[in-house]
Protein backbone atom coordinates (compact mmCIF):
# COMPACT_ATOMS: atom_id res chain seq x y z
CA UNK A 1 67.44 153.90 113.27
CA UNK A 2 69.24 152.50 116.11
CA UNK A 3 71.71 151.14 116.70
CA UNK A 4 72.84 147.25 116.90
CA UNK A 5 72.98 146.12 120.27
CA UNK A 6 75.98 144.63 121.45
CA UNK A 7 76.46 140.87 122.03
CA UNK A 8 78.22 139.59 125.21
CA UNK A 9 81.29 138.69 124.83
CA UNK A 10 80.94 134.98 126.87
CA UNK A 11 78.30 133.83 124.28
CA UNK A 12 80.78 133.27 121.80
CA UNK A 13 80.67 133.55 117.89
CA UNK A 14 78.22 130.68 118.02
CA UNK A 15 74.80 130.22 120.63
CA UNK A 16 71.52 128.97 121.34
CA UNK A 17 67.89 131.64 120.79
CA UNK A 18 67.44 130.23 124.69
CA UNK A 19 70.63 131.66 126.25
CA UNK A 20 70.71 134.56 124.03
CA UNK A 21 67.46 135.52 125.18
CA UNK A 22 67.75 134.59 129.25
CA UNK A 23 71.09 136.62 128.79
CA UNK A 24 68.27 139.44 127.64
CA UNK A 25 68.71 139.19 123.68
CA UNK A 26 65.22 140.07 122.47
CA UNK A 27 63.69 138.70 119.53
CA UNK A 28 64.38 142.13 116.77
CA UNK A 29 68.00 141.53 117.40
CA UNK A 30 68.93 137.46 117.21
CA UNK A 31 67.58 138.73 113.14
CA UNK A 32 70.61 140.86 112.09
CA UNK A 33 72.22 140.61 108.65
CA UNK A 34 75.15 139.92 111.88
CA UNK A 35 73.66 136.91 112.34
CA UNK A 36 73.44 133.64 110.26
CA UNK A 37 70.94 131.11 111.41
CA UNK A 38 72.54 127.28 110.03
CA UNK A 39 70.16 125.12 112.25
CA UNK A 40 66.91 126.46 113.92
CA UNK A 41 67.89 127.96 117.48
CA UNK A 42 70.99 128.28 116.85
CA UNK A 43 72.59 131.97 115.73
CA UNK A 44 76.62 132.21 114.65
CA UNK A 45 78.00 135.96 113.75
CA UNK A 46 79.41 135.92 110.33
CA UNK A 47 82.21 137.93 110.55
CA UNK A 48 83.42 135.79 113.44
CA UNK A 49 83.50 131.95 111.62
CA UNK A 50 85.03 130.99 108.64
CA UNK A 51 82.18 130.51 105.60
CA UNK A 52 82.50 127.49 103.71
CA UNK A 53 84.05 130.09 101.03
CA UNK A 54 87.55 129.74 102.90
CA UNK A 55 87.79 126.17 102.82
CA UNK A 56 90.32 126.55 99.67
CA UNK A 57 92.01 123.32 98.84
CA UNK A 58 91.35 121.53 95.80
CA UNK A 59 91.27 118.36 97.37
CA UNK A 60 87.70 117.21 96.71
CA UNK A 61 87.93 114.37 99.76
CA UNK A 62 89.31 117.13 102.77
CA UNK A 63 87.25 119.98 101.01
CA UNK A 64 84.23 117.24 102.05
CA UNK A 65 85.76 116.92 105.42
CA UNK A 66 86.41 120.48 106.69
CA UNK A 67 82.74 120.31 105.15
CA UNK A 68 81.33 117.77 107.62
CA UNK A 69 83.65 120.10 110.61
CA UNK A 70 82.63 122.74 109.58
CA UNK A 71 78.50 121.93 110.01
CA UNK A 72 79.79 120.58 113.56
CA UNK A 73 79.87 123.81 114.95
CA UNK A 74 78.14 124.96 113.31
CA UNK A 75 75.41 123.20 114.82
CA UNK A 76 77.32 122.35 118.37
CA UNK A 77 75.52 125.11 120.14
CA UNK A 78 72.62 122.81 120.66
CA UNK A 79 74.00 119.50 120.80
CA UNK A 80 71.69 117.36 124.11
CA UNK A 81 73.86 116.56 126.29
CA UNK A 82 72.95 112.48 125.33
CA UNK A 83 73.70 113.38 122.13
CA UNK A 84 76.98 113.32 120.08
CA UNK A 85 78.43 114.15 116.42
CA UNK A 86 79.12 110.40 114.20
CA UNK A 87 79.37 108.18 111.61
CA UNK A 88 80.81 110.46 108.86
CA UNK A 89 80.52 113.49 110.74
CA UNK A 90 83.15 111.53 113.94
CA UNK A 91 84.70 110.15 111.22
CA UNK A 92 85.82 113.28 109.56
CA UNK A 93 86.86 115.54 113.17
CA UNK A 94 89.14 112.97 114.06
CA UNK A 95 90.84 113.43 110.44
CA UNK A 96 89.77 110.38 108.54
CA UNK A 97 89.24 109.30 105.35
CA UNK A 98 85.95 108.76 103.98
CA UNK A 99 84.29 107.75 99.82
CA UNK A 100 82.69 110.91 98.22
CA UNK A 101 79.34 111.94 98.79
CA UNK A 102 77.33 112.87 95.25
CA UNK A 103 74.77 114.48 94.60
CA UNK A 104 71.85 112.92 91.56
CA UNK A 105 74.06 114.18 88.62
CA UNK A 106 76.63 113.06 90.02
CA UNK A 107 79.04 116.64 91.80
CA UNK A 108 80.36 116.08 94.61
CA UNK A 109 77.86 117.30 97.50
CA UNK A 110 78.82 120.71 98.92
CA UNK A 111 78.47 121.78 101.97
CA UNK A 112 74.98 123.18 102.59
CA UNK A 113 74.14 119.14 101.51
CA UNK A 114 76.01 116.88 103.71
CA UNK A 115 74.52 115.09 105.98
CA UNK A 116 75.42 116.33 109.47
CA UNK A 117 75.09 112.95 111.90
CA UNK A 118 74.33 112.41 115.56
CA UNK A 119 73.33 110.34 117.61
CA UNK A 120 71.35 109.70 120.46
CA UNK A 121 72.47 107.62 123.22
CA UNK A 122 70.22 105.07 125.09
CA UNK A 123 66.89 106.92 125.57
CA UNK A 124 68.45 109.92 125.09
CA UNK A 125 65.77 112.72 122.30
CA UNK A 126 66.41 111.17 118.65
CA UNK A 127 68.14 114.41 117.40
CA UNK A 128 65.37 116.15 114.78
CA UNK A 129 67.09 119.34 112.45
CA UNK A 130 67.19 120.33 108.49
CA UNK A 131 70.10 118.69 107.44
CA UNK A 132 70.86 116.25 110.59
CA UNK A 133 71.05 112.17 110.82
CA UNK A 134 69.36 111.20 113.69
CA UNK A 135 70.61 108.20 114.75
CA UNK A 136 70.40 106.26 117.87
CA UNK A 137 72.26 103.78 120.05
CA UNK A 138 72.90 101.76 123.13
CA UNK A 139 75.41 103.43 125.08
CA UNK A 140 77.14 100.34 125.19
CA UNK A 141 78.14 100.08 121.57
CA UNK A 142 79.41 103.20 121.93
CA UNK A 143 82.51 105.10 123.42
CA UNK A 144 81.98 109.13 123.90
CA UNK A 145 84.86 111.22 123.44
CA UNK A 146 85.20 115.03 123.91
CA UNK A 147 87.73 116.26 120.10
CA UNK A 148 88.62 119.88 119.30
CA UNK A 149 86.00 120.70 121.70
CA UNK A 150 83.63 118.89 119.36
CA UNK A 151 81.92 115.55 121.35
CA UNK A 152 81.82 112.92 118.79
CA UNK A 153 81.87 109.35 118.93
CA UNK A 154 84.86 107.54 119.87
CA UNK A 155 88.12 106.32 117.05
CA UNK A 156 86.88 102.52 116.98
CA UNK A 157 82.70 102.99 117.47
CA UNK A 158 83.35 105.85 114.69
CA UNK A 159 84.83 103.23 112.88
CA UNK A 160 82.70 99.86 114.05
CA UNK A 161 79.20 102.36 112.98
CA UNK A 162 80.27 102.28 109.43
CA UNK A 163 79.75 99.31 108.20
CA UNK A 164 77.29 100.28 105.30
CA UNK A 165 81.04 101.62 103.61
CA UNK A 166 82.41 99.51 101.37
CA UNK A 167 85.90 97.22 103.04
CA UNK A 168 88.17 98.72 101.08
CA UNK A 169 87.18 102.70 102.91
CA UNK A 170 86.89 99.98 105.83
CA UNK A 171 90.43 99.34 105.10
CA UNK A 172 91.97 102.04 104.08
CA UNK A 173 89.71 104.44 106.97
CA UNK A 174 91.03 101.66 110.24
CA UNK A 175 94.26 102.68 108.09
CA UNK A 176 93.64 105.91 109.36
CA UNK A 177 93.29 105.13 112.83
CA UNK A 178 95.63 102.80 113.47
CA UNK A 179 98.70 104.12 111.70
CA UNK A 180 101.71 104.22 114.47
CA UNK A 181 104.31 106.85 114.14
CA UNK A 182 107.44 105.19 114.38
CA UNK A 183 110.84 106.66 114.13
CA UNK A 184 111.93 107.14 111.04
CA UNK A 185 114.50 109.65 108.32
CA UNK A 186 112.54 113.05 108.39
CA UNK A 187 109.20 111.20 109.97
CA UNK A 188 106.66 113.74 111.97
CA UNK A 189 105.30 112.99 114.95
CA UNK A 190 107.45 109.89 115.81
CA UNK A 191 106.12 108.78 119.21
CA UNK A 192 102.84 109.11 118.79
CA UNK A 193 100.18 107.54 120.51
CA UNK A 194 97.71 106.18 117.28
CA UNK A 195 94.02 107.08 117.58
CA UNK A 196 92.78 103.56 117.87
CA UNK A 197 94.47 99.56 118.01
CA UNK A 198 93.13 97.39 115.46
CA UNK A 199 92.41 95.26 118.91
CA UNK A 200 89.90 98.02 119.91
CA UNK A 201 88.57 98.29 116.11
CA UNK A 202 87.39 94.50 116.98
CA UNK A 203 85.79 95.23 120.18
CA UNK A 204 83.72 97.81 118.68
CA UNK A 205 82.31 96.60 115.83
CA UNK A 206 82.10 92.99 118.39
CA UNK A 207 80.44 94.94 121.11
CA UNK A 208 77.18 94.04 119.85
CA UNK A 209 74.58 94.15 116.34
CA UNK A 210 76.48 96.24 113.43
CA UNK A 211 75.38 97.03 109.97
CA UNK A 212 77.97 95.72 107.71
CA UNK A 213 79.50 93.43 110.24
CA UNK A 214 80.79 90.72 107.78
CA UNK A 215 82.08 94.16 106.06
CA UNK A 216 83.79 95.11 109.67
CA UNK A 217 85.03 91.28 110.01
CA UNK A 218 87.29 91.14 106.28
CA UNK A 219 88.00 94.29 106.72
CA UNK A 220 89.77 94.42 110.27
CA UNK A 221 92.50 91.93 108.36
CA UNK A 222 93.49 94.02 106.49
CA UNK A 223 94.66 96.24 108.66
CA UNK A 224 98.03 97.75 108.65
CA UNK A 225 99.63 100.06 111.33
CA UNK A 226 102.30 101.27 109.15
CA UNK A 227 99.85 103.35 106.00
CA UNK A 228 99.54 106.63 105.62
CA UNK A 229 96.89 108.06 102.97
CA UNK A 230 94.32 106.15 102.01
CA UNK A 231 95.07 106.19 98.47
CA UNK A 232 98.20 103.71 99.64
CA UNK A 233 95.31 101.05 101.52
CA UNK A 234 93.90 101.09 97.94
CA UNK A 235 96.68 99.98 95.74
CA UNK A 236 97.83 97.29 99.12
CA UNK A 237 94.04 96.50 98.52
CA UNK A 238 94.22 95.87 95.24
CA UNK A 239 97.85 94.13 95.09
CA UNK A 240 97.18 91.65 97.79
CA UNK A 241 93.30 90.82 96.94
CA UNK A 242 95.11 89.41 93.41
CA UNK A 243 97.47 87.16 94.60
CA UNK A 244 100.99 89.15 94.97
CA UNK A 245 102.78 89.32 98.06
CA UNK A 246 102.37 92.65 100.48
CA UNK A 247 104.56 94.76 100.27
CA UNK A 248 106.38 96.72 103.05
CA UNK A 249 104.81 99.84 104.02
CA UNK A 250 106.46 102.79 104.24
CA UNK A 251 110.65 102.02 103.67
CA UNK A 252 112.99 103.95 104.37
CA UNK A 253 115.85 103.48 101.36
CA UNK A 254 119.31 103.79 101.00
CA UNK A 255 121.26 102.83 99.35
CA UNK A 256 124.79 101.05 99.00
CA UNK A 257 126.96 103.50 100.83
CA UNK A 258 124.04 104.42 103.72
CA UNK A 259 122.94 107.38 102.59
CA UNK A 260 119.13 108.29 102.01
CA UNK A 261 117.62 107.15 99.36
CA UNK A 262 113.22 108.17 99.95
CA UNK A 263 110.78 106.88 101.98
CA UNK A 264 108.95 104.46 99.24
CA UNK A 265 104.83 103.10 100.41
CA UNK A 266 105.28 99.99 99.24
CA UNK A 267 108.18 98.59 98.59
CA UNK A 268 109.44 93.93 98.04
CA UNK A 269 112.74 94.65 99.50
CA UNK A 270 114.18 91.35 97.79
CA UNK A 271 112.68 92.32 94.37
CA UNK A 272 113.99 96.15 94.77
CA UNK A 273 110.71 97.64 93.36
CA UNK A 274 109.27 100.01 95.11
CA UNK A 275 105.58 101.55 94.61
CA UNK A 276 104.23 104.91 95.20
CA UNK A 277 100.73 106.53 94.50
CA UNK A 278 100.66 109.94 92.99
CA UNK A 279 98.70 112.72 94.92
CA UNK A 280 97.77 116.30 92.73
CA UNK A 281 101.53 116.95 92.96
CA UNK A 282 102.36 120.64 92.77
CA UNK A 283 105.42 122.82 93.01
CA UNK A 284 108.34 121.75 95.36
CA UNK A 285 106.09 118.62 96.53
CA UNK A 286 106.47 117.13 92.50
CA UNK A 287 110.15 118.80 92.48
CA UNK A 288 111.43 116.49 95.33
CA UNK A 289 109.07 113.56 94.27
CA UNK A 290 111.12 113.62 90.94
CA UNK A 291 114.20 113.45 92.26
CA UNK A 292 113.69 111.05 94.81
CA UNK A 293 112.73 109.02 92.47
CA UNK A 294 115.44 109.13 90.18
CA UNK A 295 117.64 108.68 92.53
CA UNK A 296 115.45 105.42 93.24
CA UNK A 297 116.23 104.28 90.05
CA UNK A 298 119.81 105.84 89.97
CA UNK A 299 120.44 102.96 92.30
CA UNK A 300 118.94 100.52 90.48
CA UNK A 301 115.54 100.11 91.97
CA UNK A 302 112.46 99.46 90.00
CA UNK A 303 110.13 102.44 90.88
CA UNK A 304 106.68 101.84 89.43
CA UNK A 305 104.61 105.72 90.26
CA UNK A 306 101.15 105.24 90.67
CA UNK A 307 98.28 107.85 89.51
CA UNK A 308 94.84 107.97 90.00
CA UNK A 309 94.31 106.53 86.38
CA UNK A 310 96.38 103.95 86.76
CA UNK A 311 94.58 103.01 90.01
CA UNK A 312 91.65 102.67 88.04
CA UNK A 313 93.43 100.31 85.73
CA UNK A 314 93.74 97.67 87.99
CA UNK A 315 94.76 95.02 85.01
CA UNK A 316 97.43 97.26 83.86
CA UNK A 317 98.15 98.20 87.59
CA UNK A 318 98.35 94.10 88.43
CA UNK A 319 100.27 93.93 85.19
CA UNK A 320 103.11 95.96 85.74
CA UNK A 321 103.45 94.96 89.55
CA UNK A 322 103.69 91.38 88.51
CA UNK A 323 106.16 92.34 85.69
CA UNK A 324 109.06 94.16 87.73
CA UNK A 325 108.50 91.32 90.18
CA UNK A 326 109.15 88.05 87.77
CA UNK A 327 105.33 86.48 87.74
């Protein structure tokens, strides 16, 4: 058996069959065991790109986000000049939070079963490939940018294209895109520009007919610039939609001597009530949160810890917050 033909380095780890053949790579070499075929007409050097099994996170939301980005990178070599990644795929490329997608048995979809969303602008041919959800839109309805080497719809265009999502999910995604990285005790990336503004989201939603236009309009009224996580956004929506006052978001709290106690997810300062959403906590992260909450309580704050279970029991969540506020 002869040695495998070395592939030209300028092809990169992912390339199209058309480009490979133009560089003298024959059909036999393109069927080599060291090349995977994620999409028709695309080859990937398997020893040069991460496999789905290398996504190491216990968070199912983050897993699906990373899977979508990986699928986009696999498809990128065949991306038509008039196409861009859109909808859920674009949101994931920008790092945005999305609801989980499930199979008929109620299990979160894995790498191979999440649709890749590709949009054709104007007269460009409609994307057609297995595993690809092709869309078409007017150029006036979508702004295209490049992010991390991928051609994607802009944050504002992405948000406005996802009107099929629920209002709480649209709020969480809008909060993510519009977050302002303000100065504060130990806050990272202070001064970084937000990915979008509320005005840009509104302009994108109003640019033409949109699916779920009423949901987009409703969500716009709820989007804030200081929310740091989708669960915070959901807790805020639950509280305020039930008639409770809107809390301040991600507030730095200090004791009477001016010593920093911690940054809390939500706070009612006048009532000295803080609300903390507790995600999956491990090791040092769990220990830091325990100490921070203990310091807040020692300084006279009522701290309501919201777990995923409590968030599902909304009546009890509302009862606890209302009681703390003296309502």
